[in-house]
Amino acid sequence: MSSNATSSNVDTKPENEAERHASIHDETIGHGNTPAAWTCVLIMIVGAAVSCIAFIAASTLWFCVGLGVMVVGLLVGFVMKKAGYGVGGSKLSNSGH
């Protein structure tokens, strides 16, 4: 009886594009687990919630306020990243993020 699974025919190619990218570039890729990313996203969620409620209530003023809060969230995230609280930032300890 022959077997199709032999030890000499082991496939060592990366299974997907992410593995291929990781094998080519041996640097850790951040996934947004930083104070800058969390702050940005939380502010933007609040802005989106305000806009959603305002849309249902047909309030143009509060809808625009919610959009403004989302823009502020983007700016806060950008400023925090530049201040060293983003991926690879100088203010973060090397905790693997």
C-alpha atoms as a PDB file:
ATOM      1  CA  MET A   1       0.000   0.000   0.000  1.00  0.00           C
ATOM      2  CA  SER A   2       1.294   3.385  -0.846  1.00  0.00           C
ATOM      3  CA  SER A   3       0.664   6.472   1.184  1.00  0.00           C
ATOM      4  CA  ASN A   4       0.259   9.953  -0.263  1.00  0.00           C
ATOM      5  CA  ALA A   5       1.632  11.602   2.877  1.00  0.00           C
ATOM      6  CA  THR A   6       5.386  11.228   2.898  1.00  0.00           C
ATOM      7  CA  SER A   7       7.818  13.171   5.007  1.00  0.00           C
ATOM      8  CA  SER A   8       9.895  14.181   1.989  1.00  0.00           C
ATOM      9  CA  ASN A   9       7.004  16.059   0.366  1.00  0.00           C
ATOM     10  CA  VAL A  10       6.271  18.484   3.197  1.00  0.00           C
ATOM     11  CA  ASP A  11       5.026  21.824   1.888  1.00  0.00           C
ATOM     12  CA  THR A  12       6.900  24.682   3.581  1.00  0.00           C
ATOM     13  CA  LYS A  13       5.370  27.556   1.600  1.00  0.00           C
ATOM     14  CA  PRO A  14       3.502  30.266   3.509  1.00  0.00           C
ATOM     15  CA  GLU A  15      -0.221  29.550   3.599  1.00  0.00           C
ATOM     16  CA  ASN A  16      -1.407  33.082   2.977  1.00  0.00           C
ATOM     17  CA  GLU A  17      -0.264  36.570   2.059  1.00  0.00           C
ATOM     18  CA  ALA A  18       0.125  37.670   5.697  1.00  0.00           C
ATOM     19  CA  GLU A  19       2.541  34.836   6.451  1.00  0.00           C
ATOM     20  CA  ARG A  20       4.520  35.597   3.299  1.00  0.00           C
ATOM     21  CA  HIS A  21       4.723  39.282   4.272  1.00  0.00           C
ATOM     22  CA  ALA A  22       5.776  38.395   7.820  1.00  0.00           C
ATOM     23  CA  SER A  23       8.446  36.015   6.578  1.00  0.00           C
ATOM     24  CA  ILE A  24       9.876  38.641   4.212  1.00  0.00           C
ATOM     25  CA  HIS A  25       9.823  41.460   6.754  1.00  0.00           C
ATOM     26  CA  ASP A  26      10.942  40.293  10.166  1.00  0.00           C
ATOM     27  CA  GLU A  27       9.442  43.204  12.019  1.00  0.00           C
ATOM     28  CA  THR A  28       6.479  43.116  14.341  1.00  0.00           C
ATOM     29  CA  ILE A  29       3.369  44.584  12.777  1.00  0.00           C
ATOM     30  CA  GLY A  30       1.309  46.614  15.237  1.00  0.00           C
ATOM     31  CA  HIS A  31      -2.407  46.010  15.340  1.00  0.00           C
ATOM     32  CA  GLY A  32      -3.462  49.288  16.915  1.00  0.00           C
ATOM     33  CA  ASN A  33      -3.074  48.161  20.526  1.00  0.00           C
ATOM     34  CA  THR A  34      -1.796  51.555  21.619  1.00  0.00           C
ATOM     35  CA  PRO A  35      -3.175  54.403  23.707  1.00  0.00           C
ATOM     36  CA  ALA A  36      -3.352  56.575  20.573  1.00  0.00           C
ATOM     37  CA  ALA A  37      -5.443  54.040  18.662  1.00  0.00           C
ATOM     38  CA  TRP A  38      -7.771  53.271  21.569  1.00  0.00           C
ATOM     39  CA  THR A  39      -8.366  56.953  22.306  1.00  0.00           C
ATOM     40  CA  CYS A  40      -9.008  57.731  18.642  1.00  0.00           C
ATOM     41  CA  VAL A  41     -11.488  54.882  18.252  1.00  0.00           C
ATOM     42  CA  LEU A  42     -13.359  55.582  21.489  1.00  0.00           C
ATOM     43  CA  ILE A  43     -13.825  59.268  20.633  1.00  0.00           C
ATOM     44  CA  MET A  44     -14.985  58.336  17.150  1.00  0.00           C
ATOM     45  CA  ILE A  45     -17.479  55.796  18.532  1.00  0.00           C
ATOM     46  CA  VAL A  46     -18.991  58.510  20.720  1.00  0.00           C
ATOM     47  CA  GLY A  47     -19.232  60.801  17.697  1.00  0.00           C
ATOM     48  CA  ALA A  48     -20.839  58.069  15.601  1.00  0.00           C
ATOM     49  CA  ALA A  49     -23.368  57.361  18.358  1.00  0.00           C
ATOM     50  CA  VAL A  50     -24.295  61.056  18.571  1.00  0.00           C
ATOM     51  CA  SER A  51     -24.680  61.221  14.783  1.00  0.00           C
ATOM     52  CA  CYS A  52     -26.793  58.054  14.668  1.00  0.00           C
ATOM     53  CA  ILE A  53     -29.164  59.279  17.359  1.00  0.00           C
ATOM     54  CA  ALA A  54     -29.361  62.707  15.705  1.00  0.00           C
ATOM     55  CA  PHE A  55     -30.110  61.112  12.337  1.00  0.00           C
ATOM     56  CA  ILE A  56     -33.030  59.184  13.817  1.00  0.00           C
ATOM     57  CA  ALA A  57     -34.250  62.305  15.646  1.00  0.00           C
ATOM     58  CA  ALA A  58     -33.859  64.373  12.422  1.00  0.00           C
ATOM     59  CA  SER A  59     -31.597  66.913  14.094  1.00  0.00           C
ATOM     60  CA  THR A  60     -29.133  68.376  11.614  1.00  0.00           C
ATOM     61  CA  LEU A  61     -27.287  70.330  14.295  1.00  0.00           C
ATOM     62  CA  TRP A  62     -26.514  67.297  16.462  1.00  0.00           C
ATOM     63  CA  PHE A  63     -25.718  65.192  13.411  1.00  0.00           C
ATOM     64  CA  CYS A  64     -23.051  67.719  12.448  1.00  0.00           C
ATOM     65  CA  VAL A  65     -21.813  67.847  16.054  1.00  0.00           C
ATOM     66  CA  GLY A  66     -21.337  64.060  15.940  1.00  0.00           C
ATOM     67  CA  LEU A  67     -19.405  64.338  12.673  1.00  0.00           C
ATOM     68  CA  GLY A  68     -17.237  67.017  14.273  1.00  0.00           C
ATOM     69  CA  VAL A  69     -16.542  64.758  17.246  1.00  0.00           C
ATOM     70  CA  MET A  70     -15.390  62.040  14.837  1.00  0.00           C
ATOM     71  CA  VAL A  71     -12.982  64.476  13.161  1.00  0.00           C
ATOM     72  CA  VAL A  72     -11.687  65.486  16.605  1.00  0.00           C
ATOM     73  CA  GLY A  73     -11.095  61.787  17.341  1.00  0.00           C
ATOM     74  CA  LEU A  74      -8.947  61.472  14.221  1.00  0.00           C
ATOM     75  CA  LEU A  75      -6.951  64.556  15.175  1.00  0.00           C
ATOM     76  CA  VAL A  76      -6.446  63.360  18.771  1.00  0.00           C
ATOM     77  CA  GLY A  77      -5.206  59.978  17.517  1.00  0.00           C
ATOM     78  CA  PHE A  78      -2.802  61.645  15.092  1.00  0.00           C
ATOM     79  CA  VAL A  79      -1.446  64.025  17.736  1.00  0.00           C
ATOM     80  CA  MET A  80      -1.028  61.195  20.261  1.00  0.00           C
ATOM     81  CA  LYS A  81       0.822  59.107  17.661  1.00  0.00           C
ATOM     82  CA  LYS A  82       3.182  62.000  16.946  1.00  0.00           C
ATOM     83  CA  ALA A  83       3.662  62.468  20.708  1.00  0.00           C
ATOM     84  CA  GLY A  84       4.953  58.897  20.990  1.00  0.00           C
ATOM     85  CA  TYR A  85       1.857  56.959  22.049  1.00  0.00           C
ATOM     86  CA  GLY A  86       1.395  55.093  18.740  1.00  0.00           C
ATOM     87  CA  VAL A  87       2.918  51.888  17.394  1.00  0.00           C
ATOM     88  CA  GLY A  88       6.660  51.993  18.049  1.00  0.00           C
ATOM     89  CA  GLY A  89       6.282  55.227  19.990  1.00  0.00           C
ATOM     90  CA  SER A  90       8.924  56.512  22.368  1.00  0.00           C
ATOM     91  CA  LYS A  91       6.505  56.804  25.316  1.00  0.00           C
ATOM     92  CA  LEU A  92       5.528  53.128  25.280  1.00  0.00           C
ATOM     93  CA  SER A  93       7.469  50.364  26.943  1.00  0.00           C
ATOM     94  CA  ASN A  94       8.474  47.472  24.726  1.00  0.00           C
ATOM     95  CA  SER A  95       5.562  45.221  25.718  1.00  0.00           C
ATOM     96  CA  GLY A  96       5.174  43.527  22.376  1.00  0.00           C
ATOM     97  CA  HIS A  97       2.468  45.815  20.981  1.00  0.00           C
END
